Amino acid sequence: MANTETALKEATTIEGAIGAALVDYTSGMALGTIGGGKDLDLTVAAAGNTDVVRAKVRTMEHLGLKDEIEDILITLGSQYHLIRLMKSRNANGLFLYLALDKERANLAMARHQLKKIEADLEV
């Protein structure tokens, strides 16, 4: 089992990774971040993506969908933003956020690797 720091470091080894964060979507706070930079403020991204997750959860409730969100993909012109909701009992209300350079990333592999990181993360 990996801790937050180890999991985020592993996320940055994913091909094309720009930055990663572990986010509490009940508060919008980043519990840990790595990478980013002047073009990607991970604390701002954490808060903004919290709104995305909340909106999707609310929409699913209104539609009566009895399913779980695996991940949410936002595709920009030059980046992928991947949000993976954590499933473990102790991690309810948390998600992993990964920003990728679209030119260097393999989206299928990134999703697969982020799923493995999520499964190994102990919060």
Protein backbone atom coordinates (compact mmCIF):
# COMPACT_ATOMS: atom_id res chain seq x y z
CA MET A 1 0.00 0.00 0.00
CA ALA A 2 1.28 3.42 -0.97
CA ASN A 3 0.87 6.68 0.92
CA THR A 4 -0.20 9.94 -0.74
CA GLU A 5 3.31 11.18 -1.48
CA THR A 6 4.39 7.88 -3.02
CA ALA A 7 1.21 7.62 -5.09
CA LEU A 8 1.58 11.16 -6.46
CA LYS A 9 5.25 10.56 -7.30
CA GLU A 10 4.22 7.40 -9.15
CA ALA A 11 1.56 9.38 -11.05
CA THR A 12 4.23 11.76 -12.34
CA THR A 13 6.05 8.82 -13.93
CA ILE A 14 3.08 8.29 -16.26
CA GLU A 15 4.15 9.28 -19.78
CA GLY A 16 3.16 12.91 -20.44
CA ALA A 17 2.32 13.77 -16.81
CA ILE A 18 2.31 17.49 -16.04
CA GLY A 19 1.03 17.30 -12.47
CA ALA A 20 -1.10 15.30 -10.08
CA ALA A 21 -3.14 15.85 -6.95
CA LEU A 22 -5.16 13.99 -4.37
CA VAL A 23 -8.31 16.00 -3.72
CA ASP A 24 -11.10 15.94 -1.15
CA TYR A 25 -14.21 16.82 -3.14
CA THR A 26 -16.30 17.51 -0.06
CA SER A 27 -14.08 20.51 0.75
CA GLY A 28 -12.34 21.16 -2.58
CA MET A 29 -8.94 21.03 -0.90
CA ALA A 30 -5.90 19.34 -2.38
CA LEU A 31 -4.49 16.91 0.19
CA GLY A 32 -1.30 16.60 -1.83
CA THR A 33 0.08 17.90 -5.11
CA ILE A 34 3.10 17.31 -7.29
CA GLY A 35 4.19 19.02 -10.49
CA GLY A 36 2.13 21.69 -12.17
CA GLY A 37 3.79 25.06 -12.55
CA LYS A 38 2.97 28.56 -13.73
CA ASP A 39 0.61 27.23 -16.40
CA LEU A 40 -1.12 24.75 -14.10
CA ASP A 41 -1.92 25.76 -10.52
CA LEU A 42 -2.91 22.44 -8.96
CA THR A 43 -4.73 24.00 -6.00
CA VAL A 44 -6.97 25.98 -8.40
CA ALA A 45 -7.44 22.85 -10.53
CA ALA A 46 -8.36 20.83 -7.43
CA ALA A 47 -11.06 23.30 -6.42
CA GLY A 48 -12.42 23.60 -9.97
CA ASN A 49 -12.50 19.87 -10.59
CA THR A 50 -14.34 19.44 -7.29
CA ASP A 51 -17.23 21.32 -8.92
CA VAL A 52 -17.07 18.95 -11.91
CA VAL A 53 -17.25 15.87 -9.66
CA ARG A 54 -20.07 17.28 -7.55
CA ALA A 55 -22.07 18.19 -10.65
CA LYS A 56 -21.69 14.72 -12.14
CA VAL A 57 -22.61 12.98 -8.87
CA ARG A 58 -25.68 15.23 -8.53
CA THR A 59 -26.70 14.58 -12.16
CA MET A 60 -26.42 10.83 -11.66
CA GLU A 61 -28.63 11.11 -8.56
CA HIS A 62 -31.24 13.13 -10.48
CA LEU A 63 -31.21 10.55 -13.27
CA GLY A 64 -31.55 7.72 -10.77
CA LEU A 65 -28.38 6.04 -12.04
CA LYS A 66 -27.24 3.39 -9.56
CA ASP A 67 -23.69 3.21 -10.80
CA GLU A 68 -20.26 4.51 -9.80
CA ILE A 69 -18.06 7.00 -11.61
CA GLU A 70 -14.78 5.36 -12.58
CA ASP A 71 -13.14 8.40 -14.07
CA ILE A 72 -13.91 11.67 -15.80
CA LEU A 73 -11.91 12.84 -18.80
CA ILE A 74 -11.62 16.46 -19.87
CA THR A 75 -9.90 16.90 -23.22
CA LEU A 76 -8.33 20.27 -23.99
CA GLY A 77 -6.47 21.30 -27.12
CA SER A 78 -3.08 20.38 -25.67
CA GLN A 79 -3.89 18.47 -22.48
CA TYR A 80 -5.91 15.65 -20.96
CA HIS A 81 -7.25 16.11 -17.46
CA LEU A 82 -8.13 12.82 -15.81
CA ILE A 83 -10.17 12.60 -12.61
CA ARG A 84 -10.34 9.19 -10.90
CA LEU A 85 -12.71 8.80 -7.97
CA MET A 86 -11.34 6.65 -5.18
CA LYS A 87 -13.33 3.56 -4.27
CA SER A 88 -11.85 2.31 -1.00
CA ARG A 89 -13.92 2.65 2.16
CA ASN A 90 -11.45 5.04 3.83
CA ALA A 91 -11.16 7.22 0.72
CA ASN A 92 -14.80 8.11 0.16
CA GLY A 93 -15.01 11.70 -1.10
CA LEU A 94 -11.51 11.71 -2.62
CA PHE A 95 -10.26 11.72 -6.18
CA LEU A 96 -6.94 11.55 -7.96
CA TYR A 97 -6.38 14.26 -10.55
CA LEU A 98 -3.83 13.89 -13.32
CA ALA A 99 -2.97 16.45 -15.99
CA LEU A 100 -1.24 15.11 -19.10
CA ASP A 101 0.44 16.63 -22.14
CA LYS A 102 -1.73 15.39 -25.00
CA GLU A 103 1.20 15.07 -27.43
CA ARG A 104 3.22 12.79 -25.14
CA ALA A 105 0.51 10.86 -23.31
CA ASN A 106 -1.06 7.53 -24.11
CA LEU A 107 -4.55 8.00 -22.67
CA ALA A 108 -5.40 4.30 -22.39
CA MET A 109 -2.15 3.56 -20.56
CA ALA A 110 -2.56 6.61 -18.31
CA ARG A 111 -6.05 5.46 -17.28
CA HIS A 112 -4.73 1.96 -16.60
CA GLN A 113 -1.79 3.23 -14.53
CA LEU A 114 -3.93 5.71 -12.57
CA LYS A 115 -6.37 2.89 -11.76
CA LYS A 116 -3.48 0.84 -10.35
CA ILE A 117 -2.20 3.82 -8.32
CA GLU A 118 -5.71 4.36 -6.93
CA ALA A 119 -6.00 0.68 -5.95
CA ASP A 120 -2.64 0.76 -4.12
CA LEU A 121 -3.21 4.09 -2.33
CA GLU A 122 -3.92 3.87 1.39
CA VAL A 123 -5.36 7.07 2.83
